[in-house]
Amino acid sequence: MRKIPDVFLLAENRLLREALIRLLGKRNEVRIVGASTYSSSVHHEIISVRPQIILLDSSGLAFSRSGLIATLRAAVRNLRIVMVDMDPDEEVFLSAIRAGVVGYILKDASALEVAATIRAVAAGRAVCPPSLCMTLFRCVGRQHPAPSVNSWRSDLGLSRREQETVELLQQRLTNKEIALRLNLSEQTVKNHVHHILRKIGAPNRFSVADFCQRRSAGEFTLDPETGGDIEKAS
């Protein structure tokens, strides 16, 4: 028999609180264990009943900045937050996620959808409207851009120092100048250059810059037999 999640309703608007109590009270999927408006002492009331889910409106974001959500999550183990918002505002949505919300519902959701969201969140899943999924993907994409050109240098087996040396070889620096930049001996730099030329198959140090430029532009592909680079057919 599946466990019915205990839910505490937290909403500034009395009509919203009463509507949610009435709608969710008719269903057997959730159990309302408390309801309140926001106040400086509401966290005591919530902690005393130790709900599994807090269902709040977007006013909760202002209170989260004062530490309300963080305080509740620290005091109630495995507490999960679901927010009901009036409009699909992207900034409010992202702010809610940053505050710790894992379920997000819009005003046109039915009682069935609200209950389903609460149960999904109680089961450890995250829920958001399909219309806001792209917002979430864009945000994560901006925070975690595609791998830099250094990724292919690692694929070629270049060490961290060798990758740093490649950067300076592209600037046409001498071994002595590279040694000063990297705080290495000139002989160590010579060894790095020798290893770089062997690993990338370049004939000399002056061809490294051209190789790197063409490799970053995707003019080479991986040879499935040797694991090395081969030039793409034009």
C-alpha atoms as a PDB file:
ATOM      1  CA  MET A   1       0.000   0.000   0.000  1.00  0.00           C
ATOM      2  CA  ARG A   2       1.507   3.318  -1.062  1.00  0.00           C
ATOM      3  CA  LYS A   3       2.107   5.993   1.553  1.00  0.00           C
ATOM      4  CA  ILE A   4      -0.026   9.129   1.353  1.00  0.00           C
ATOM      5  CA  PRO A   5       2.228  12.239   1.514  1.00  0.00           C
ATOM      6  CA  ASP A   6       1.567  14.806   4.248  1.00  0.00           C
ATOM      7  CA  VAL A   7       1.232  18.299   2.783  1.00  0.00           C
ATOM      8  CA  PHE A   8       1.419  21.718   4.401  1.00  0.00           C
ATOM      9  CA  LEU A   9      -0.147  24.589   2.439  1.00  0.00           C
ATOM     10  CA  LEU A  10       1.636  27.923   2.624  1.00  0.00           C
ATOM     11  CA  ALA A  11       0.016  30.761   0.704  1.00  0.00           C
ATOM     12  CA  GLU A  12      -0.416  34.483   1.223  1.00  0.00           C
ATOM     13  CA  ASN A  13      -3.812  34.495  -0.466  1.00  0.00           C
ATOM     14  CA  ARG A  14      -6.582  33.114   1.737  1.00  0.00           C
ATOM     15  CA  LEU A  15      -8.817  32.242  -1.204  1.00  0.00           C
ATOM     16  CA  LEU A  16      -5.998  30.199  -2.747  1.00  0.00           C
ATOM     17  CA  ARG A  17      -5.389  28.351   0.529  1.00  0.00           C
ATOM     18  CA  GLU A  18      -9.057  27.539   0.944  1.00  0.00           C
ATOM     19  CA  ALA A  19      -9.422  26.488  -2.687  1.00  0.00           C
ATOM     20  CA  LEU A  20      -6.445  24.127  -2.434  1.00  0.00           C
ATOM     21  CA  ILE A  21      -7.718  22.660   0.844  1.00  0.00           C
ATOM     22  CA  ARG A  22     -11.135  22.079  -0.712  1.00  0.00           C
ATOM     23  CA  LEU A  23      -9.779  20.582  -3.948  1.00  0.00           C
ATOM     24  CA  LEU A  24      -7.121  18.372  -2.399  1.00  0.00           C
ATOM     25  CA  GLY A  25      -9.352  17.394   0.517  1.00  0.00           C
ATOM     26  CA  LYS A  26     -11.664  15.605  -1.906  1.00  0.00           C
ATOM     27  CA  ARG A  27      -8.855  13.294  -3.030  1.00  0.00           C
ATOM     28  CA  ASN A  28      -7.254  10.382  -1.272  1.00  0.00           C
ATOM     29  CA  GLU A  29      -3.778  10.870  -2.802  1.00  0.00           C
ATOM     30  CA  VAL A  30      -2.625  13.523  -0.291  1.00  0.00           C
ATOM     31  CA  ARG A  31      -3.254  14.489   3.335  1.00  0.00           C
ATOM     32  CA  ILE A  32      -3.380  18.149   4.371  1.00  0.00           C
ATOM     33  CA  VAL A  33      -1.673  18.496   7.771  1.00  0.00           C
ATOM     34  CA  GLY A  34      -1.693  22.279   8.006  1.00  0.00           C
ATOM     35  CA  ALA A  35      -2.226  25.574   6.219  1.00  0.00           C
ATOM     36  CA  SER A  36      -1.044  29.094   6.944  1.00  0.00           C
ATOM     37  CA  THR A  37      -0.137  32.485   5.589  1.00  0.00           C
ATOM     38  CA  TYR A  38       3.456  33.703   5.719  1.00  0.00           C
ATOM     39  CA  SER A  39       4.743  35.050   9.020  1.00  0.00           C
ATOM     40  CA  SER A  40       7.963  35.314  10.971  1.00  0.00           C
ATOM     41  CA  SER A  41       6.985  32.313  13.092  1.00  0.00           C
ATOM     42  CA  VAL A  42       5.352  30.048  10.495  1.00  0.00           C
ATOM     43  CA  HIS A  43       8.434  27.813  10.354  1.00  0.00           C
ATOM     44  CA  HIS A  44       7.700  26.666  13.938  1.00  0.00           C
ATOM     45  CA  GLU A  45       4.221  25.553  12.915  1.00  0.00           C
ATOM     46  CA  ILE A  46       5.527  23.694   9.871  1.00  0.00           C
ATOM     47  CA  ILE A  47       8.363  21.982  11.724  1.00  0.00           C
ATOM     48  CA  SER A  48       5.959  20.796  14.438  1.00  0.00           C
ATOM     49  CA  VAL A  49       3.915  18.735  11.946  1.00  0.00           C
ATOM     50  CA  ARG A  50       6.943  17.645   9.882  1.00  0.00           C
ATOM     51  CA  PRO A  51       5.255  17.416   6.463  1.00  0.00           C
ATOM     52  CA  GLN A  52       6.784  15.588   3.529  1.00  0.00           C
ATOM     53  CA  ILE A  53       5.670  18.284   1.074  1.00  0.00           C
ATOM     54  CA  ILE A  54       5.195  22.037   1.338  1.00  0.00           C
ATOM     55  CA  LEU A  55       2.855  23.450  -1.289  1.00  0.00           C
ATOM     56  CA  LEU A  56       3.397  27.197  -1.535  1.00  0.00           C
ATOM     57  CA  ASP A  57       2.592  30.099  -3.810  1.00  0.00           C
ATOM     58  CA  SER A  58       5.127  32.395  -5.494  1.00  0.00           C
ATOM     59  CA  SER A  59       5.143  34.697  -2.448  1.00  0.00           C
ATOM     60  CA  GLY A  60       7.368  32.053  -0.898  1.00  0.00           C
ATOM     61  CA  LEU A  61      10.287  33.215  -3.007  1.00  0.00           C
ATOM     62  CA  ALA A  62      10.457  36.493  -1.100  1.00  0.00           C
ATOM     63  CA  PHE A  63      10.500  34.570   2.167  1.00  0.00           C
ATOM     64  CA  SER A  64      13.061  32.106   0.838  1.00  0.00           C
ATOM     65  CA  ARG A  65      15.473  35.020   0.478  1.00  0.00           C
ATOM     66  CA  SER A  66      15.167  35.508   4.225  1.00  0.00           C
ATOM     67  CA  GLY A  67      16.092  31.859   4.740  1.00  0.00           C
ATOM     68  CA  LEU A  68      12.652  30.296   5.264  1.00  0.00           C
ATOM     69  CA  ILE A  69      13.012  27.436   2.803  1.00  0.00           C
ATOM     70  CA  ALA A  70      16.609  26.761   3.831  1.00  0.00           C
ATOM     71  CA  THR A  71      15.557  26.676   7.503  1.00  0.00           C
ATOM     72  CA  LEU A  72      12.717  24.252   6.814  1.00  0.00           C
ATOM     73  CA  ARG A  73      14.807  21.938   4.664  1.00  0.00           C
ATOM     74  CA  ALA A  74      17.479  21.816   7.375  1.00  0.00           C
ATOM     75  CA  ALA A  75      14.911  21.046  10.093  1.00  0.00           C
ATOM     76  CA  VAL A  76      12.665  18.542   8.272  1.00  0.00           C
ATOM     77  CA  ARG A  77      14.435  15.582   6.723  1.00  0.00           C
ATOM     78  CA  ASN A  78      13.664  14.881   3.038  1.00  0.00           C
ATOM     79  CA  LEU A  79      11.318  17.874   2.825  1.00  0.00           C
ATOM     80  CA  ARG A  80      10.312  18.708  -0.736  1.00  0.00           C
ATOM     81  CA  ILE A  81       8.873  21.961  -2.073  1.00  0.00           C
ATOM     82  CA  VAL A  82       6.122  22.357  -4.687  1.00  0.00           C
ATOM     83  CA  MET A  83       5.141  25.812  -5.941  1.00  0.00           C
ATOM     84  CA  VAL A  84       1.917  26.998  -7.499  1.00  0.00           C
ATOM     85  CA  ASP A  85       2.444  30.103  -9.638  1.00  0.00           C
ATOM     86  CA  MET A  86      -0.059  32.290 -11.386  1.00  0.00           C
ATOM     87  CA  ASP A  87       1.734  32.768 -14.714  1.00  0.00           C
ATOM     88  CA  PRO A  88       4.548  31.005 -16.629  1.00  0.00           C
ATOM     89  CA  ASP A  89       7.134  33.651 -15.732  1.00  0.00           C
ATOM     90  CA  GLU A  90      10.604  32.359 -16.636  1.00  0.00           C
ATOM     91  CA  GLU A  91      12.454  34.392 -14.013  1.00  0.00           C
ATOM     92  CA  VAL A  92      10.109  33.311 -11.231  1.00  0.00           C
ATOM     93  CA  PHE A  93      10.451  29.702 -12.391  1.00  0.00           C
ATOM     94  CA  LEU A  94      14.265  29.804 -12.338  1.00  0.00           C
ATOM     95  CA  SER A  95      14.303  31.619  -8.992  1.00  0.00           C
ATOM     96  CA  ALA A  96      12.067  28.910  -7.575  1.00  0.00           C
ATOM     97  CA  ILE A  97      14.432  26.159  -8.713  1.00  0.00           C
ATOM     98  CA  ARG A  98      17.414  27.992  -7.225  1.00  0.00           C
ATOM     99  CA  ALA A  99      15.518  28.252  -3.932  1.00  0.00           C
ATOM    100  CA  GLY A 100      15.022  24.478  -3.834  1.00  0.00           C
ATOM    101  CA  VAL A 101      11.612  23.973  -5.488  1.00  0.00           C
ATOM    102  CA  VAL A 102      11.346  20.594  -7.244  1.00  0.00           C
ATOM    103  CA  GLY A 103       7.720  20.754  -8.337  1.00  0.00           C
ATOM    104  CA  TYR A 104       6.206  23.665 -10.271  1.00  0.00           C
ATOM    105  CA  ILE A 105       2.528  24.051 -11.158  1.00  0.00           C
ATOM    106  CA  LEU A 106       0.723  26.789 -13.086  1.00  0.00           C
ATOM    107  CA  LYS A 107      -2.645  28.309 -12.217  1.00  0.00           C
ATOM    108  CA  ASP A 108      -4.537  26.372 -14.891  1.00  0.00           C
ATOM    109  CA  ALA A 109      -3.597  22.995 -13.380  1.00  0.00           C
ATOM    110  CA  SER A 110      -6.487  20.786 -12.303  1.00  0.00           C
ATOM    111  CA  ALA A 111      -6.834  19.253  -8.849  1.00  0.00           C
ATOM    112  CA  LEU A 112      -5.836  15.934 -10.425  1.00  0.00           C
ATOM    113  CA  GLU A 113      -2.640  17.477 -11.819  1.00  0.00           C
ATOM    114  CA  VAL A 114      -1.776  19.136  -8.508  1.00  0.00           C
ATOM    115  CA  ALA A 115      -2.230  15.852  -6.662  1.00  0.00           C
ATOM    116  CA  ALA A 116      -0.212  13.980  -9.290  1.00  0.00           C
ATOM    117  CA  THR A 117       2.610  16.507  -8.974  1.00  0.00           C
ATOM    118  CA  ILE A 118       2.662  16.187  -5.196  1.00  0.00           C
ATOM    119  CA  ARG A 119       2.801  12.395  -5.412  1.00  0.00           C
ATOM    120  CA  ALA A 120       5.552  12.498  -8.051  1.00  0.00           C
ATOM    121  CA  VAL A 121       7.654  14.873  -5.952  1.00  0.00           C
ATOM    122  CA  ALA A 122       7.058  12.751  -2.855  1.00  0.00           C
ATOM    123  CA  ALA A 123       8.390   9.790  -4.843  1.00  0.00           C
ATOM    124  CA  GLY A 124      11.603  11.657  -5.572  1.00  0.00           C
ATOM    125  CA  ARG A 125      10.844  13.034  -9.031  1.00  0.00           C
ATOM    126  CA  ALA A 126      10.961  16.636 -10.265  1.00  0.00           C
ATOM    127  CA  VAL A 127       8.018  18.140 -12.139  1.00  0.00           C
ATOM    128  CA  CYS A 128       7.644  21.290 -14.233  1.00  0.00           C
ATOM    129  CA  PRO A 129       5.266  22.406 -17.002  1.00  0.00           C
ATOM    130  CA  PRO A 130       6.363  21.365 -20.511  1.00  0.00           C
ATOM    131  CA  SER A 131       6.154  25.023 -21.558  1.00  0.00           C
ATOM    132  CA  LEU A 132       9.011  25.860 -19.166  1.00  0.00           C
ATOM    133  CA  CYS A 133      11.288  22.902 -19.937  1.00  0.00           C
ATOM    134  CA  MET A 134      13.137  24.857 -22.649  1.00  0.00           C
ATOM    135  CA  THR A 135      13.831  27.641 -20.148  1.00  0.00           C
ATOM    136  CA  LEU A 136      15.495  25.108 -17.866  1.00  0.00           C
ATOM    137  CA  PHE A 137      17.585  23.616 -20.689  1.00  0.00           C
ATOM    138  CA  ARG A 138      18.731  27.071 -21.824  1.00  0.00           C
ATOM    139  CA  CYS A 139      19.725  28.023 -18.297  1.00  0.00           C
ATOM    140  CA  VAL A 140      21.762  24.854 -17.756  1.00  0.00           C
ATOM    141  CA  GLY A 141      23.322  25.237 -21.195  1.00  0.00           C
ATOM    142  CA  ARG A 142      24.548  28.730 -20.356  1.00  0.00           C
ATOM    143  CA  GLN A 143      26.040  27.529 -17.077  1.00  0.00           C
ATOM    144  CA  HIS A 144      27.759  24.525 -18.643  1.00  0.00           C
ATOM    145  CA  PRO A 145      28.990  25.483 -22.115  1.00  0.00           C
ATOM    146  CA  ALA A 146      30.265  22.960 -24.588  1.00  0.00           C
ATOM    147  CA  PRO A 147      33.752  21.572 -23.905  1.00  0.00           C
ATOM    148  CA  SER A 148      36.571  23.911 -24.885  1.00  0.00           C
ATOM    149  CA  VAL A 149      39.128  23.199 -27.572  1.00  0.00           C
ATOM    150  CA  ASN A 150      41.341  21.785 -24.810  1.00  0.00           C
ATOM    151  CA  SER A 151      39.145  18.658 -24.791  1.00  0.00           C
ATOM    152  CA  TRP A 152      40.634  17.330 -28.012  1.00  0.00           C
ATOM    153  CA  ARG A 153      44.109  17.978 -26.631  1.00  0.00           C
ATOM    154  CA  SER A 154      43.324  15.638 -23.760  1.00  0.00           C
ATOM    155  CA  ASP A 155      41.993  13.097 -26.257  1.00  0.00           C
ATOM    156  CA  LEU A 156      45.396  13.134 -27.956  1.00  0.00           C
ATOM    157  CA  GLY A 157      47.062  12.234 -24.690  1.00  0.00           C
ATOM    158  CA  LEU A 158      48.606  15.626 -23.981  1.00  0.00           C
ATOM    159  CA  SER A 159      49.359  16.221 -20.310  1.00  0.00           C
ATOM    160  CA  ARG A 160      48.314  19.430 -18.559  1.00  0.00           C
ATOM    161  CA  ARG A 161      51.818  20.876 -18.965  1.00  0.00           C
ATOM    162  CA  GLU A 162      51.922  19.837 -22.614  1.00  0.00           C
ATOM    163  CA  GLN A 163      48.589  21.547 -23.222  1.00  0.00           C
ATOM    164  CA  GLU A 164      49.938  24.726 -21.610  1.00  0.00           C
ATOM    165  CA  THR A 165      53.024  24.444 -23.812  1.00  0.00           C
ATOM    166  CA  VAL A 166      50.843  24.077 -26.915  1.00  0.00           C
ATOM    167  CA  GLU A 167      49.087  27.344 -26.028  1.00  0.00           C
ATOM    168  CA  LEU A 168      52.440  29.132 -25.943  1.00  0.00           C
ATOM    169  CA  LEU A 169      53.752  27.427 -29.068  1.00  0.00           C
ATOM    170  CA  GLN A 170      50.729  28.867 -30.861  1.00  0.00           C
ATOM    171  CA  GLN A 171      52.018  32.293 -29.823  1.00  0.00           C
ATOM    172  CA  ARG A 172      55.366  31.496 -31.532  1.00  0.00           C
ATOM    173  CA  LEU A 173      57.312  31.741 -28.261  1.00  0.00           C
ATOM    174  CA  THR A 174      60.792  30.269 -27.972  1.00  0.00           C
ATOM    175  CA  ASN A 175      61.673  27.481 -25.539  1.00  0.00           C
ATOM    176  CA  LYS A 176      63.334  30.035 -23.278  1.00  0.00           C
ATOM    177  CA  GLU A 177      60.262  32.282 -23.271  1.00  0.00           C
ATOM    178  CA  ILE A 178      57.987  29.306 -22.576  1.00  0.00           C
ATOM    179  CA  ALA A 179      60.259  28.223 -19.719  1.00  0.00           C
ATOM    180  CA  LEU A 180      59.949  31.657 -18.133  1.00  0.00           C
ATOM    181  CA  ARG A 181      56.162  31.689 -18.522  1.00  0.00           C
ATOM    182  CA  LEU A 182      55.701  28.227 -16.989  1.00  0.00           C
ATOM    183  CA  ASN A 183      58.511  28.506 -14.449  1.00  0.00           C
ATOM    184  CA  LEU A 184      60.253  25.468 -15.916  1.00  0.00           C
ATOM    185  CA  SER A 185      63.773  24.713 -17.062  1.00  0.00           C
ATOM    186  CA  GLU A 186      64.484  25.147 -20.760  1.00  0.00           C
ATOM    187  CA  GLN A 187      65.393  21.448 -21.029  1.00  0.00           C
ATOM    188  CA  THR A 188      61.996  20.463 -19.578  1.00  0.00           C
ATOM    189  CA  VAL A 189      60.280  22.628 -22.186  1.00  0.00           C
ATOM    190  CA  LYS A 190      62.344  20.953 -24.928  1.00  0.00           C
ATOM    191  CA  ASN A 191      61.142  17.579 -23.658  1.00  0.00           C
ATOM    192  CA  HIS A 192      57.511  18.779 -23.684  1.00  0.00           C
ATOM    193  CA  VAL A 193      57.852  20.060 -27.249  1.00  0.00           C
ATOM    194  CA  HIS A 194      59.387  16.761 -28.364  1.00  0.00           C
ATOM    195  CA  HIS A 195      56.482  14.804 -26.808  1.00  0.00           C
ATOM    196  CA  ILE A 196      53.890  17.175 -28.322  1.00  0.00           C
ATOM    197  CA  LEU A 197      55.285  16.812 -31.839  1.00  0.00           C
ATOM    198  CA  ARG A 198      55.303  13.034 -31.500  1.00  0.00           C
ATOM    199  CA  LYS A 199      51.741  12.840 -30.131  1.00  0.00           C
ATOM    200  CA  ILE A 200      50.121  15.135 -32.690  1.00  0.00           C
ATOM    201  CA  GLY A 201      52.302  14.022 -35.585  1.00  0.00           C
ATOM    202  CA  ALA A 202      53.543  17.508 -36.417  1.00  0.00           C
ATOM    203  CA  PRO A 203      56.910  17.787 -38.240  1.00  0.00           C
ATOM    204  CA  ASN A 204      58.176  20.787 -36.267  1.00  0.00           C
ATOM    205  CA  ARG A 205      57.218  23.378 -33.641  1.00  0.00           C
ATOM    206  CA  PHE A 206      56.180  25.922 -36.266  1.00  0.00           C
ATOM    207  CA  SER A 207      53.462  23.623 -37.601  1.00  0.00           C
ATOM    208  CA  VAL A 208      51.798  23.252 -34.189  1.00  0.00           C
ATOM    209  CA  ALA A 209      49.752  26.456 -34.523  1.00  0.00           C
ATOM    210  CA  ASP A 210      48.405  25.391 -37.927  1.00  0.00           C
ATOM    211  CA  PHE A 211      47.584  21.923 -36.633  1.00  0.00           C
ATOM    212  CA  CYS A 212      45.700  23.308 -33.628  1.00  0.00           C
ATOM    213  CA  GLN A 213      43.716  25.721 -35.759  1.00  0.00           C
ATOM    214  CA  ARG A 214      42.686  23.008 -38.212  1.00  0.00           C
ATOM    215  CA  ARG A 215      41.933  20.518 -35.425  1.00  0.00           C
ATOM    216  CA  SER A 216      39.681  23.029 -33.630  1.00  0.00           C
ATOM    217  CA  ALA A 217      37.910  23.743 -36.915  1.00  0.00           C
ATOM    218  CA  GLY A 218      37.072  20.042 -37.250  1.00  0.00           C
ATOM    219  CA  GLU A 219      39.259  19.360 -40.272  1.00  0.00           C
ATOM    220  CA  PHE A 220      40.495  16.131 -38.699  1.00  0.00           C
ATOM    221  CA  THR A 221      38.630  13.053 -37.553  1.00  0.00           C
ATOM    222  CA  LEU A 222      39.600  10.029 -35.500  1.00  0.00           C
ATOM    223  CA  ASP A 223      41.148   7.050 -37.286  1.00  0.00           C
ATOM    224  CA  PRO A 224      39.193   4.012 -35.974  1.00  0.00           C
ATOM    225  CA  GLU A 225      42.174   1.700 -36.501  1.00  0.00           C
ATOM    226  CA  THR A 226      45.048   3.706 -35.049  1.00  0.00           C
ATOM    227  CA  GLY A 227      43.170   6.080 -32.740  1.00  0.00           C
ATOM    228  CA  GLY A 228      45.079   8.978 -34.340  1.00  0.00           C
ATOM    229  CA  ASP A 229      43.930  11.928 -36.423  1.00  0.00           C
ATOM    230  CA  ILE A 230      43.320  11.693 -40.129  1.00  0.00           C
ATOM    231  CA  GLU A 231      42.444  14.595 -42.385  1.00  0.00           C
ATOM    232  CA  LYS A 232      38.835  14.708 -43.526  1.00  0.00           C
ATOM    233  CA  ALA A 233      38.192  14.416 -47.237  1.00  0.00           C
ATOM    234  CA  SER A 234      37.270  17.731 -48.781  1.00  0.00           C
END
